[in-house]
Amino acid sequence: MKHVYPFAALVGQDDMKQALLIAAIDPLIGGVLVFGDRGTGKSTAVRSLAALLPPMQAVKSCPYQCDPQQQSSACPYCKGSRKRQSITVAVPVVDLPLGATEDRVLGALDLQKALREGVKAFEPGLLAKAHRGFLYVDEVNLLEDHLVDLLLDVAASGENLIEREGLSLRHPARFVLVGSGNPEEGELRPQLLDRFGLSIDVKTPMDLETRLEVLKRRDAFDQDPVAFCAHYESQQQALQALIVKARASLASVALPDEVMRYIAQLCMKLGTDGLRGELGLMRAARVLSAMREHSETSIQDVIDVAPSVLSHRLRRDPLEESASASVIARALRDMANA
């Protein structure tokens, strides 16, 4: 059994960890983009999150992990099945390689069945496997344009439509998109950037003690992963319980009018395009309130998630050299002093 580095053992990078937990609690947030230096734990954090997530219920033998309680969103397999037996499965976290073909991503004709049985059958792709889970794209800014277009279409509709090789099939494909990359290697297409609900910039830690702690923990994990994972098991269980409890309480967290007004005023002050900024900020702040076991969302919750929600939604001014985070911080100060 391969052991995954525990999420609870990650050192620093609090903004990244918070963003991933928020996306895990409320998939409607729209995914997480993590940009930054190489070797800062981006991929490790995503893979660690997979091992942390509570298991989910799915229809037995369903290639799309359909929810047994959701009849309306059933896939072609479940719609044709009279008996829908429920099983417990791990939440899927699927890697989308940069060199993947369209057939690998979308799915294609099952050639073995076609040749052996003479029937047209569909072989699900990565989008099907990621349904109700996470689709992870490392070096997302290097993803080929035709794959970006595919992701945009599916992310917008929540469905994957296949019309090829005599096949005509539609199946659900709702997933949390997580992308990571190094901005020095190229920028992300604006259309795809807009689809991410949260964006985090990670930096190499400059504190000596933090760097030493990273080295010690990684060395301990490499030497004895079983003992290392056991050491953090109680913290892992506490984080998993936090996710379960926050999901259960999310719908009951109130959002006062004054907080919604603050959200709208902040986005207007920053000049964000459209209303995705407001919606994302509202959802992320509510999730943070649920994580903090608050009965209603506060302005402080909004302030705490504003940089990760809005930093990638600011209009770029060629004459403005300030980083997005400093622009947002300045706007928050101005509103506090108003």
C-alpha atoms as a PDB file:
ATOM      1  CA  MET A   1       0.000   0.000   0.000  1.00  0.00           C
ATOM      2  CA  LYS A   2       1.379   3.369  -1.033  1.00  0.00           C
ATOM      3  CA  HIS A   3       1.254   5.979   1.715  1.00  0.00           C
ATOM      4  CA  VAL A   4       0.391   9.595   0.897  1.00  0.00           C
ATOM      5  CA  TYR A   5       2.005  12.473   2.745  1.00  0.00           C
ATOM      6  CA  PRO A   6      -0.580  13.653   5.328  1.00  0.00           C
ATOM      7  CA  PHE A   7      -2.316  16.967   4.691  1.00  0.00           C
ATOM      8  CA  ALA A   8      -1.994  17.766   8.404  1.00  0.00           C
ATOM      9  CA  ALA A   9       1.807  17.462   8.157  1.00  0.00           C
ATOM     10  CA  LEU A  10       2.198  20.213   5.554  1.00  0.00           C
ATOM     11  CA  VAL A  11       4.286  23.064   6.903  1.00  0.00           C
ATOM     12  CA  GLY A  12       3.187  26.636   6.260  1.00  0.00           C
ATOM     13  CA  GLN A  13       1.359  27.574   3.020  1.00  0.00           C
ATOM     14  CA  ASP A  14      -1.754  28.307   5.108  1.00  0.00           C
ATOM     15  CA  ASP A  15      -3.538  30.160   2.290  1.00  0.00           C
ATOM     16  CA  MET A  16      -3.165  27.199  -0.047  1.00  0.00           C
ATOM     17  CA  LYS A  17      -4.389  24.719   2.556  1.00  0.00           C
ATOM     18  CA  GLN A  18      -7.365  26.915   3.422  1.00  0.00           C
ATOM     19  CA  ALA A  19      -8.324  27.308  -0.244  1.00  0.00           C
ATOM     20  CA  LEU A  20      -8.212  23.544  -0.841  1.00  0.00           C
ATOM     21  CA  LEU A  21     -10.348  22.874   2.233  1.00  0.00           C
ATOM     22  CA  ILE A  22     -12.889  25.501   1.130  1.00  0.00           C
ATOM     23  CA  ALA A  23     -13.148  23.873  -2.311  1.00  0.00           C
ATOM     24  CA  ALA A  24     -13.531  20.439  -0.712  1.00  0.00           C
ATOM     25  CA  ILE A  25     -16.391  21.660   1.476  1.00  0.00           C
ATOM     26  CA  ASP A  26     -18.264  23.524  -1.284  1.00  0.00           C
ATOM     27  CA  PRO A  27     -17.521  22.376  -4.859  1.00  0.00           C
ATOM     28  CA  LEU A  28     -19.655  25.262  -6.184  1.00  0.00           C
ATOM     29  CA  ILE A  29     -16.722  27.544  -5.361  1.00  0.00           C
ATOM     30  CA  GLY A  30     -15.323  26.617  -8.774  1.00  0.00           C
ATOM     31  CA  GLY A  31     -11.909  25.125  -8.132  1.00  0.00           C
ATOM     32  CA  VAL A  32      -8.486  26.269  -7.012  1.00  0.00           C
ATOM     33  CA  LEU A  33      -5.544  27.647  -8.964  1.00  0.00           C
ATOM     34  CA  VAL A  34      -2.173  27.434  -7.208  1.00  0.00           C
ATOM     35  CA  PHE A  35       0.634  29.355  -8.863  1.00  0.00           C
ATOM     36  CA  GLY A  36       4.142  29.775  -7.533  1.00  0.00           C
ATOM     37  CA  ASP A  37       7.724  28.627  -7.286  1.00  0.00           C
ATOM     38  CA  ARG A  38       8.698  25.061  -8.024  1.00  0.00           C
ATOM     39  CA  GLY A  39       9.082  22.766  -5.029  1.00  0.00           C
ATOM     40  CA  THR A  40       6.702  24.649  -2.727  1.00  0.00           C
ATOM     41  CA  GLY A  41       4.374  21.711  -2.052  1.00  0.00           C
ATOM     42  CA  LYS A  42       1.659  22.439  -4.626  1.00  0.00           C
ATOM     43  CA  SER A  43       1.321  18.900  -5.982  1.00  0.00           C
ATOM     44  CA  THR A  44       1.909  17.364  -2.563  1.00  0.00           C
ATOM     45  CA  ALA A  45      -0.949  19.397  -1.079  1.00  0.00           C
ATOM     46  CA  VAL A  46      -3.408  18.320  -3.778  1.00  0.00           C
ATOM     47  CA  ARG A  47      -2.536  14.644  -3.446  1.00  0.00           C
ATOM     48  CA  SER A  48      -2.646  14.925   0.346  1.00  0.00           C
ATOM     49  CA  LEU A  49      -6.151  16.378   0.133  1.00  0.00           C
ATOM     50  CA  ALA A  50      -7.325  13.266  -1.728  1.00  0.00           C
ATOM     51  CA  ALA A  51      -6.397  11.035   1.188  1.00  0.00           C
ATOM     52  CA  LEU A  52      -8.102  13.424   3.609  1.00  0.00           C
ATOM     53  CA  LEU A  53     -11.537  13.579   1.971  1.00  0.00           C
ATOM     54  CA  PRO A  54     -14.388  11.580   3.562  1.00  0.00           C
ATOM     55  CA  PRO A  55     -15.587   8.652   1.389  1.00  0.00           C
ATOM     56  CA  MET A  56     -18.812   9.043  -0.607  1.00  0.00           C
ATOM     57  CA  GLN A  57     -21.734   6.857  -1.648  1.00  0.00           C
ATOM     58  CA  ALA A  58     -21.875   5.727  -5.287  1.00  0.00           C
ATOM     59  CA  VAL A  59     -23.877   3.329  -7.435  1.00  0.00           C
ATOM     60  CA  LYS A  60     -22.168  -0.056  -7.649  1.00  0.00           C
ATOM     61  CA  SER A  61     -20.537  -0.782 -11.045  1.00  0.00           C
ATOM     62  CA  CYS A  62     -21.359   2.726 -12.310  1.00  0.00           C
ATOM     63  CA  PRO A  63     -18.401   4.077 -14.339  1.00  0.00           C
ATOM     64  CA  TYR A  64     -19.320   7.641 -13.329  1.00  0.00           C
ATOM     65  CA  GLN A  65     -19.656   7.195  -9.539  1.00  0.00           C
ATOM     66  CA  CYS A  66     -23.244   8.492  -9.635  1.00  0.00           C
ATOM     67  CA  ASP A  67     -24.891   9.506  -6.361  1.00  0.00           C
ATOM     68  CA  PRO A  68     -27.564   6.898  -5.475  1.00  0.00           C
ATOM     69  CA  GLN A  69     -29.759   9.674  -4.060  1.00  0.00           C
ATOM     70  CA  GLN A  70     -29.703  11.797  -7.237  1.00  0.00           C
ATOM     71  CA  GLN A  71     -32.085  10.198  -9.715  1.00  0.00           C
ATOM     72  CA  SER A  72     -32.392  13.287 -11.920  1.00  0.00           C
ATOM     73  CA  SER A  73     -28.664  13.442 -12.712  1.00  0.00           C
ATOM     74  CA  ALA A  74     -28.235   9.741 -13.433  1.00  0.00           C
ATOM     75  CA  CYS A  75     -25.856   8.663 -16.186  1.00  0.00           C
ATOM     76  CA  PRO A  76     -26.827   6.373 -19.101  1.00  0.00           C
ATOM     77  CA  TYR A  77     -25.728   3.326 -17.077  1.00  0.00           C
ATOM     78  CA  CYS A  78     -27.886   4.165 -14.030  1.00  0.00           C
ATOM     79  CA  LYS A  79     -30.923   5.183 -16.095  1.00  0.00           C
ATOM     80  CA  GLY A  80     -30.924   1.748 -17.680  1.00  0.00           C
ATOM     81  CA  SER A  81     -30.419  -0.075 -14.392  1.00  0.00           C
ATOM     82  CA  ARG A  82     -33.427  -1.238 -12.387  1.00  0.00           C
ATOM     83  CA  LYS A  83     -31.501  -1.948  -9.201  1.00  0.00           C
ATOM     84  CA  ARG A  84     -29.111   0.703  -7.945  1.00  0.00           C
ATOM     85  CA  GLN A  85     -26.993  -0.809  -5.196  1.00  0.00           C
ATOM     86  CA  SER A  86     -25.044   1.685  -3.106  1.00  0.00           C
ATOM     87  CA  ILE A  87     -21.389   1.267  -2.150  1.00  0.00           C
ATOM     88  CA  THR A  88     -18.826   3.423  -0.364  1.00  0.00           C
ATOM     89  CA  VAL A  89     -15.925   4.670  -2.487  1.00  0.00           C
ATOM     90  CA  ALA A  90     -13.068   7.115  -2.155  1.00  0.00           C
ATOM     91  CA  VAL A  91     -13.550  10.577  -3.663  1.00  0.00           C
ATOM     92  CA  PRO A  92     -11.723  10.472  -7.024  1.00  0.00           C
ATOM     93  CA  VAL A  93      -8.756  12.741  -7.630  1.00  0.00           C
ATOM     94  CA  VAL A  94      -7.780  12.349 -11.282  1.00  0.00           C
ATOM     95  CA  ASP A  95      -4.626  13.655 -12.957  1.00  0.00           C
ATOM     96  CA  LEU A  96      -4.971  15.196 -16.409  1.00  0.00           C
ATOM     97  CA  PRO A  97      -1.571  14.865 -18.143  1.00  0.00           C
ATOM     98  CA  LEU A  98      -0.449  17.690 -20.418  1.00  0.00           C
ATOM     99  CA  GLY A  99      -0.026  15.301 -23.348  1.00  0.00           C
ATOM    100  CA  ALA A 100      -3.413  13.613 -22.996  1.00  0.00           C
ATOM    101  CA  THR A 101      -5.384  13.037 -26.192  1.00  0.00           C
ATOM    102  CA  GLU A 102      -8.997  14.098 -26.653  1.00  0.00           C
ATOM    103  CA  ASP A 103     -10.072  10.445 -26.569  1.00  0.00           C
ATOM    104  CA  ARG A 104      -8.311   9.960 -23.238  1.00  0.00           C
ATOM    105  CA  VAL A 105     -10.013  13.036 -21.764  1.00  0.00           C
ATOM    106  CA  LEU A 106     -13.507  12.760 -23.261  1.00  0.00           C
ATOM    107  CA  GLY A 107     -13.765   9.000 -23.709  1.00  0.00           C
ATOM    108  CA  ALA A 108     -14.083   7.044 -26.932  1.00  0.00           C
ATOM    109  CA  LEU A 109     -15.314   3.896 -28.611  1.00  0.00           C
ATOM    110  CA  ASP A 110     -14.316   0.728 -26.762  1.00  0.00           C
ATOM    111  CA  LEU A 111     -12.343  -0.972 -29.530  1.00  0.00           C
ATOM    112  CA  GLN A 112     -12.018  -4.295 -27.701  1.00  0.00           C
ATOM    113  CA  LYS A 113     -15.785  -4.701 -27.415  1.00  0.00           C
ATOM    114  CA  ALA A 114     -16.266  -3.484 -30.963  1.00  0.00           C
ATOM    115  CA  LEU A 115     -13.848  -6.083 -32.327  1.00  0.00           C
ATOM    116  CA  ARG A 116     -14.737  -8.929 -29.975  1.00  0.00           C
ATOM    117  CA  GLU A 117     -18.510  -8.515 -29.702  1.00  0.00           C
ATOM    118  CA  GLY A 118     -19.324  -6.319 -32.669  1.00  0.00           C
ATOM    119  CA  VAL A 119     -21.154  -3.749 -30.515  1.00  0.00           C
ATOM    120  CA  LYS A 120     -20.616  -0.052 -30.044  1.00  0.00           C
ATOM    121  CA  ALA A 121     -19.694   0.612 -26.435  1.00  0.00           C
ATOM    122  CA  PHE A 122     -18.332   3.708 -24.738  1.00  0.00           C
ATOM    123  CA  GLU A 123     -15.053   3.674 -22.835  1.00  0.00           C
ATOM    124  CA  PRO A 124     -15.219   6.518 -20.280  1.00  0.00           C
ATOM    125  CA  GLY A 125     -12.382   9.036 -20.168  1.00  0.00           C
ATOM    126  CA  LEU A 126     -10.761  11.135 -17.461  1.00  0.00           C
ATOM    127  CA  LEU A 127     -13.736  13.493 -17.203  1.00  0.00           C
ATOM    128  CA  ALA A 128     -15.982  10.553 -16.319  1.00  0.00           C
ATOM    129  CA  LYS A 129     -13.543   9.293 -13.695  1.00  0.00           C
ATOM    130  CA  ALA A 130     -13.324  12.760 -12.109  1.00  0.00           C
ATOM    131  CA  HIS A 131     -17.108  13.134 -11.719  1.00  0.00           C
ATOM    132  CA  ARG A 132     -18.019  14.124  -8.141  1.00  0.00           C
ATOM    133  CA  GLY A 133     -14.327  14.476  -7.346  1.00  0.00           C
ATOM    134  CA  PHE A 134     -11.277  16.504  -8.324  1.00  0.00           C
ATOM    135  CA  LEU A 135      -9.549  16.929 -11.672  1.00  0.00           C
ATOM    136  CA  TYR A 136      -5.932  17.974 -11.154  1.00  0.00           C
ATOM    137  CA  VAL A 137      -3.858  19.614 -13.880  1.00  0.00           C
ATOM    138  CA  ASP A 138      -0.203  20.199 -13.053  1.00  0.00           C
ATOM    139  CA  GLU A 139       1.435  22.933 -15.159  1.00  0.00           C
ATOM    140  CA  VAL A 140      -2.058  24.006 -16.180  1.00  0.00           C
ATOM    141  CA  ASN A 141      -0.688  27.077 -17.957  1.00  0.00           C
ATOM    142  CA  LEU A 142       1.031  24.734 -20.440  1.00  0.00           C
ATOM    143  CA  LEU A 143      -2.154  22.836 -21.286  1.00  0.00           C
ATOM    144  CA  GLU A 144      -2.852  22.719 -25.013  1.00  0.00           C
ATOM    145  CA  ASP A 145      -5.561  25.028 -26.308  1.00  0.00           C
ATOM    146  CA  HIS A 146      -7.862  22.272 -27.561  1.00  0.00           C
ATOM    147  CA  LEU A 147      -7.873  20.658 -24.098  1.00  0.00           C
ATOM    148  CA  VAL A 148      -8.532  24.027 -22.483  1.00  0.00           C
ATOM    149  CA  ASP A 149     -11.567  24.431 -24.755  1.00  0.00           C
ATOM    150  CA  LEU A 150     -12.832  21.001 -23.706  1.00  0.00           C
ATOM    151  CA  LEU A 151     -12.477  21.850 -20.018  1.00  0.00           C
ATOM    152  CA  LEU A 152     -14.267  25.164 -20.485  1.00  0.00           C
ATOM    153  CA  ASP A 153     -17.240  23.504 -22.170  1.00  0.00           C
ATOM    154  CA  VAL A 154     -17.593  20.792 -19.544  1.00  0.00           C
ATOM    155  CA  ALA A 155     -16.986  23.158 -16.606  1.00  0.00           C
ATOM    156  CA  ALA A 156     -19.767  25.433 -17.861  1.00  0.00           C
ATOM    157  CA  SER A 157     -22.360  22.692 -18.439  1.00  0.00           C
ATOM    158  CA  GLY A 158     -21.427  20.007 -15.903  1.00  0.00           C
ATOM    159  CA  GLU A 159     -21.879  17.440 -18.660  1.00  0.00           C
ATOM    160  CA  ASN A 160     -19.668  15.738 -21.199  1.00  0.00           C
ATOM    161  CA  LEU A 161     -21.197  15.356 -24.656  1.00  0.00           C
ATOM    162  CA  ILE A 162     -19.624  12.842 -27.037  1.00  0.00           C
ATOM    163  CA  GLU A 163     -20.579  12.917 -30.724  1.00  0.00           C
ATOM    164  CA  ARG A 164     -17.996  10.867 -32.577  1.00  0.00           C
ATOM    165  CA  GLU A 165     -17.334   7.494 -34.260  1.00  0.00           C
ATOM    166  CA  GLY A 166     -21.039   6.756 -34.424  1.00  0.00           C
ATOM    167  CA  LEU A 167     -21.453   7.391 -30.699  1.00  0.00           C
ATOM    168  CA  SER A 168     -23.893   9.880 -29.262  1.00  0.00           C
ATOM    169  CA  LEU A 169     -23.722   9.979 -25.495  1.00  0.00           C
ATOM    170  CA  ARG A 170     -24.044  12.472 -22.646  1.00  0.00           C
ATOM    171  CA  HIS A 171     -22.894  11.860 -19.087  1.00  0.00           C
ATOM    172  CA  PRO A 172     -22.489  14.026 -15.952  1.00  0.00           C
ATOM    173  CA  ALA A 173     -19.041  15.494 -15.364  1.00  0.00           C
ATOM    174  CA  ARG A 174     -19.085  17.788 -12.358  1.00  0.00           C
ATOM    175  CA  PHE A 175     -15.737  18.100 -10.641  1.00  0.00           C
ATOM    176  CA  VAL A 176     -13.569  20.540  -8.757  1.00  0.00           C
ATOM    177  CA  LEU A 177     -10.811  21.724 -11.066  1.00  0.00           C
ATOM    178  CA  VAL A 178      -7.451  22.181  -9.360  1.00  0.00           C
ATOM    179  CA  GLY A 179      -4.568  23.598 -11.354  1.00  0.00           C
ATOM    180  CA  SER A 180      -0.987  24.364 -10.433  1.00  0.00           C
ATOM    181  CA  GLY A 181       1.869  25.929 -12.299  1.00  0.00           C
ATOM    182  CA  ASN A 182       4.808  28.277 -12.447  1.00  0.00           C
ATOM    183  CA  PRO A 183       3.919  31.730 -13.866  1.00  0.00           C
ATOM    184  CA  GLU A 184       7.427  32.054 -15.313  1.00  0.00           C
ATOM    185  CA  GLU A 185       6.557  29.318 -17.818  1.00  0.00           C
ATOM    186  CA  GLY A 186       3.583  31.140 -19.312  1.00  0.00           C
ATOM    187  CA  GLU A 187       0.272  32.755 -18.479  1.00  0.00           C
ATOM    188  CA  LEU A 188      -3.077  31.037 -18.220  1.00  0.00           C
ATOM    189  CA  ARG A 189      -5.748  31.771 -20.817  1.00  0.00           C
ATOM    190  CA  PRO A 190      -8.187  34.363 -19.401  1.00  0.00           C
ATOM    191  CA  GLN A 191     -11.209  32.175 -20.174  1.00  0.00           C
ATOM    192  CA  LEU A 192      -9.835  29.329 -18.069  1.00  0.00           C
ATOM    193  CA  LEU A 193      -8.524  31.634 -15.351  1.00  0.00           C
ATOM    194  CA  ASP A 194     -12.036  33.003 -14.936  1.00  0.00           C
ATOM    195  CA  ARG A 195     -13.357  29.514 -14.164  1.00  0.00           C
ATOM    196  CA  PHE A 196     -11.297  29.135 -10.985  1.00  0.00           C
ATOM    197  CA  GLY A 197     -13.074  30.272  -7.850  1.00  0.00           C
ATOM    198  CA  LEU A 198      -9.893  30.676  -5.802  1.00  0.00           C
ATOM    199  CA  SER A 199      -6.356  31.614  -6.798  1.00  0.00           C
ATOM    200  CA  ILE A 200      -3.339  31.302  -4.536  1.00  0.00           C
ATOM    201  CA  ASP A 201       0.239  32.498  -5.007  1.00  0.00           C
ATOM    202  CA  VAL A 202       2.747  30.387  -3.097  1.00  0.00           C
ATOM    203  CA  LYS A 203       6.302  31.419  -2.366  1.00  0.00           C
ATOM    204  CA  THR A 204       9.405  29.608  -1.211  1.00  0.00           C
ATOM    205  CA  PRO A 205       9.578  30.046   2.593  1.00  0.00           C
ATOM    206  CA  MET A 206      12.352  32.450   3.593  1.00  0.00           C
ATOM    207  CA  ASP A 207      12.275  31.602   7.288  1.00  0.00           C
ATOM    208  CA  LEU A 208      15.071  29.247   8.361  1.00  0.00           C
ATOM    209  CA  GLU A 209      13.040  27.392  10.990  1.00  0.00           C
ATOM    210  CA  THR A 210      10.204  26.742   8.522  1.00  0.00           C
ATOM    211  CA  ARG A 211      12.593  25.331   5.949  1.00  0.00           C
ATOM    212  CA  LEU A 212      14.237  23.108   8.550  1.00  0.00           C
ATOM    213  CA  GLU A 213      10.852  21.768   9.677  1.00  0.00           C
ATOM    214  CA  VAL A 214       9.930  20.918   6.073  1.00  0.00           C
ATOM    215  CA  LEU A 215      13.191  18.990   5.678  1.00  0.00           C
ATOM    216  CA  LYS A 216      12.772  17.114   8.967  1.00  0.00           C
ATOM    217  CA  ARG A 217       9.203  16.054   8.234  1.00  0.00           C
ATOM    218  CA  ARG A 218       9.938  14.990   4.693  1.00  0.00           C
ATOM    219  CA  ASP A 219      12.940  12.968   5.810  1.00  0.00           C
ATOM    220  CA  ALA A 220      10.878  11.305   8.552  1.00  0.00           C
ATOM    221  CA  PHE A 221       8.186  10.398   6.014  1.00  0.00           C
ATOM    222  CA  ASP A 222      10.705   8.950   3.562  1.00  0.00           C
ATOM    223  CA  GLN A 223      12.396   6.896   6.291  1.00  0.00           C
ATOM    224  CA  ASP A 224       9.221   5.408   7.777  1.00  0.00           C
ATOM    225  CA  PRO A 225       5.960   6.467   6.091  1.00  0.00           C
ATOM    226  CA  VAL A 226       3.842   4.140   8.242  1.00  0.00           C
ATOM    227  CA  ALA A 227       5.021   5.627  11.532  1.00  0.00           C
ATOM    228  CA  PHE A 228       4.911   9.173  10.126  1.00  0.00           C
ATOM    229  CA  CYS A 229       1.306   8.828   8.940  1.00  0.00           C
ATOM    230  CA  ALA A 230       0.310   7.230  12.243  1.00  0.00           C
ATOM    231  CA  HIS A 231       1.775  10.216  14.099  1.00  0.00           C
ATOM    232  CA  TYR A 232      -0.546  12.599  12.239  1.00  0.00           C
ATOM    233  CA  GLU A 233      -3.593  10.316  12.160  1.00  0.00           C
ATOM    234  CA  SER A 234      -5.462  12.154  14.926  1.00  0.00           C
ATOM    235  CA  GLN A 235      -4.925  15.502  13.178  1.00  0.00           C
ATOM    236  CA  GLN A 236      -6.060  13.972   9.889  1.00  0.00           C
ATOM    237  CA  GLN A 237      -9.236  12.699  11.526  1.00  0.00           C
ATOM    238  CA  ALA A 238      -9.869  16.127  13.055  1.00  0.00           C
ATOM    239  CA  LEU A 239      -9.564  17.774   9.630  1.00  0.00           C
ATOM    240  CA  GLN A 240     -11.860  15.193   8.067  1.00  0.00           C
ATOM    241  CA  ALA A 241     -14.401  15.794  10.835  1.00  0.00           C
ATOM    242  CA  LEU A 242     -14.113  19.542  10.149  1.00  0.00           C
ATOM    243  CA  ILE A 243     -14.974  18.974   6.470  1.00  0.00           C
ATOM    244  CA  VAL A 244     -17.968  16.767   7.330  1.00  0.00           C
ATOM    245  CA  LYS A 245     -19.303  19.191   9.945  1.00  0.00           C
ATOM    246  CA  ALA A 246     -18.830  22.273   7.763  1.00  0.00           C
ATOM    247  CA  ARG A 247     -20.643  20.597   4.849  1.00  0.00           C
ATOM    248  CA  ALA A 248     -23.556  19.722   7.116  1.00  0.00           C
ATOM    249  CA  SER A 249     -23.864  23.228   8.590  1.00  0.00           C
ATOM    250  CA  LEU A 250     -23.157  25.225   5.421  1.00  0.00           C
ATOM    251  CA  ALA A 251     -26.792  25.641   4.350  1.00  0.00           C
ATOM    252  CA  SER A 252     -27.753  27.023   7.768  1.00  0.00           C
ATOM    253  CA  VAL A 253     -25.043  29.720   7.893  1.00  0.00           C
ATOM    254  CA  ALA A 254     -26.766  33.100   7.559  1.00  0.00           C
ATOM    255  CA  LEU A 255     -25.474  35.828   5.258  1.00  0.00           C
ATOM    256  CA  PRO A 256     -26.569  39.241   6.633  1.00  0.00           C
ATOM    257  CA  ASP A 257     -27.499  42.049   4.245  1.00  0.00           C
ATOM    258  CA  GLU A 258     -24.672  44.216   5.577  1.00  0.00           C
ATOM    259  CA  VAL A 259     -22.139  41.535   4.634  1.00  0.00           C
ATOM    260  CA  MET A 260     -23.583  41.203   1.126  1.00  0.00           C
ATOM    261  CA  ARG A 261     -23.475  44.975   0.766  1.00  0.00           C
ATOM    262  CA  TYR A 262     -19.827  44.964   1.865  1.00  0.00           C
ATOM    263  CA  ILE A 263     -19.026  42.265  -0.712  1.00  0.00           C
ATOM    264  CA  ALA A 264     -20.670  44.236  -3.519  1.00  0.00           C
ATOM    265  CA  GLN A 265     -18.974  47.490  -2.481  1.00  0.00           C
ATOM    266  CA  LEU A 266     -15.555  45.820  -2.356  1.00  0.00           C
ATOM    267  CA  CYS A 267     -15.927  44.325  -5.838  1.00  0.00           C
ATOM    268  CA  MET A 268     -17.133  47.663  -7.210  1.00  0.00           C
ATOM    269  CA  LYS A 269     -14.186  49.438  -5.646  1.00  0.00           C
ATOM    270  CA  LEU A 270     -11.768  46.937  -7.203  1.00  0.00           C
ATOM    271  CA  GLY A 271     -13.538  47.085 -10.571  1.00  0.00           C
ATOM    272  CA  THR A 272     -13.926  43.324 -11.018  1.00  0.00           C
ATOM    273  CA  ASP A 273     -15.660  42.242 -14.221  1.00  0.00           C
ATOM    274  CA  GLY A 274     -19.028  40.526 -13.994  1.00  0.00           C
ATOM    275  CA  LEU A 275     -20.561  39.115 -10.837  1.00  0.00           C
ATOM    276  CA  ARG A 276     -18.464  35.981 -10.405  1.00  0.00           C
ATOM    277  CA  GLY A 277     -16.293  37.853  -7.915  1.00  0.00           C
ATOM    278  CA  GLU A 278     -19.257  38.659  -5.675  1.00  0.00           C
ATOM    279  CA  LEU A 279     -20.678  35.145  -5.920  1.00  0.00           C
ATOM    280  CA  GLY A 280     -17.325  33.524  -5.218  1.00  0.00           C
ATOM    281  CA  LEU A 281     -16.635  35.830  -2.297  1.00  0.00           C
ATOM    282  CA  MET A 282     -20.079  35.162  -0.840  1.00  0.00           C
ATOM    283  CA  ARG A 283     -19.650  31.378  -1.082  1.00  0.00           C
ATOM    284  CA  ALA A 284     -16.064  31.295   0.179  1.00  0.00           C
ATOM    285  CA  ALA A 285     -16.846  33.561   3.144  1.00  0.00           C
ATOM    286  CA  ARG A 286     -19.823  31.393   4.070  1.00  0.00           C
ATOM    287  CA  VAL A 287     -17.671  28.246   3.948  1.00  0.00           C
ATOM    288  CA  LEU A 288     -15.045  29.897   6.132  1.00  0.00           C
ATOM    289  CA  SER A 289     -17.804  30.801   8.618  1.00  0.00           C
ATOM    290  CA  ALA A 290     -18.913  27.153   8.673  1.00  0.00           C
ATOM    291  CA  MET A 291     -15.312  26.032   9.239  1.00  0.00           C
ATOM    292  CA  ARG A 292     -15.109  28.447  12.172  1.00  0.00           C
ATOM    293  CA  GLU A 293     -18.442  27.115  13.518  1.00  0.00           C
ATOM    294  CA  HIS A 294     -20.146  30.511  13.204  1.00  0.00           C
ATOM    295  CA  SER A 295     -23.899  30.762  12.745  1.00  0.00           C
ATOM    296  CA  GLU A 296     -23.593  33.708  10.349  1.00  0.00           C
ATOM    297  CA  THR A 297     -20.989  35.135   8.013  1.00  0.00           C
ATOM    298  CA  SER A 298     -19.071  38.164   9.220  1.00  0.00           C
ATOM    299  CA  ILE A 299     -17.217  40.924   7.422  1.00  0.00           C
ATOM    300  CA  GLN A 300     -14.000  39.497   8.874  1.00  0.00           C
ATOM    301  CA  ASP A 301     -14.690  36.216   7.085  1.00  0.00           C
ATOM    302  CA  VAL A 302     -15.011  38.176   3.838  1.00  0.00           C
ATOM    303  CA  ILE A 303     -11.758  40.028   4.489  1.00  0.00           C
ATOM    304  CA  ASP A 304      -9.910  36.781   5.189  1.00  0.00           C
ATOM    305  CA  VAL A 305     -10.882  35.137   1.868  1.00  0.00           C
ATOM    306  CA  ALA A 306     -10.959  38.252  -0.350  1.00  0.00           C
ATOM    307  CA  PRO A 307      -7.349  37.956  -1.655  1.00  0.00           C
ATOM    308  CA  SER A 308      -7.777  34.349  -2.794  1.00  0.00           C
ATOM    309  CA  VAL A 309     -11.164  35.021  -4.419  1.00  0.00           C
ATOM    310  CA  LEU A 310     -10.433  38.323  -6.140  1.00  0.00           C
ATOM    311  CA  SER A 311      -6.696  38.420  -6.920  1.00  0.00           C
ATOM    312  CA  HIS A 312      -7.158  36.800 -10.355  1.00  0.00           C
ATOM    313  CA  ARG A 313     -10.235  38.864 -11.212  1.00  0.00           C
ATOM    314  CA  LEU A 314      -8.668  42.315 -11.153  1.00  0.00           C
ATOM    315  CA  ARG A 315      -8.280  44.271 -14.367  1.00  0.00           C
ATOM    316  CA  ARG A 316      -4.645  44.659 -15.311  1.00  0.00           C
ATOM    317  CA  ASP A 317      -3.353  48.189 -15.652  1.00  0.00           C
ATOM    318  CA  PRO A 318      -0.014  48.340 -17.535  1.00  0.00           C
ATOM    319  CA  LEU A 319       0.903  51.434 -15.505  1.00  0.00           C
ATOM    320  CA  GLU A 320       0.080  49.758 -12.179  1.00  0.00           C
ATOM    321  CA  GLU A 321       3.020  47.831 -10.733  1.00  0.00           C
ATOM    322  CA  SER A 322       1.375  46.793  -7.488  1.00  0.00           C
ATOM    323  CA  ALA A 323       0.638  43.124  -7.030  1.00  0.00           C
ATOM    324  CA  SER A 324      -2.999  42.029  -6.842  1.00  0.00           C
ATOM    325  CA  ALA A 325      -2.724  41.209  -3.135  1.00  0.00           C
ATOM    326  CA  SER A 326      -1.506  44.705  -2.274  1.00  0.00           C
ATOM    327  CA  VAL A 327      -4.264  46.295  -4.371  1.00  0.00           C
ATOM    328  CA  ILE A 328      -6.893  44.269  -2.498  1.00  0.00           C
ATOM    329  CA  ALA A 329      -5.273  45.063   0.861  1.00  0.00           C
ATOM    330  CA  ARG A 330      -5.345  48.759   0.035  1.00  0.00           C
ATOM    331  CA  ALA A 331      -9.025  48.580  -0.919  1.00  0.00           C
ATOM    332  CA  LEU A 332      -9.841  46.779   2.335  1.00  0.00           C
ATOM    333  CA  ARG A 333      -8.009  49.465   4.336  1.00  0.00           C
ATOM    334  CA  ASP A 334      -9.847  52.239   2.511  1.00  0.00           C
ATOM    335  CA  MET A 335     -13.203  50.643   3.263  1.00  0.00           C
ATOM    336  CA  ALA A 336     -12.275  50.181   6.915  1.00  0.00           C
ATOM    337  CA  ASN A 337     -11.349  53.857   7.192  1.00  0.00           C
ATOM    338  CA  ALA A 338     -14.389  55.118   5.295  1.00  0.00           C
END
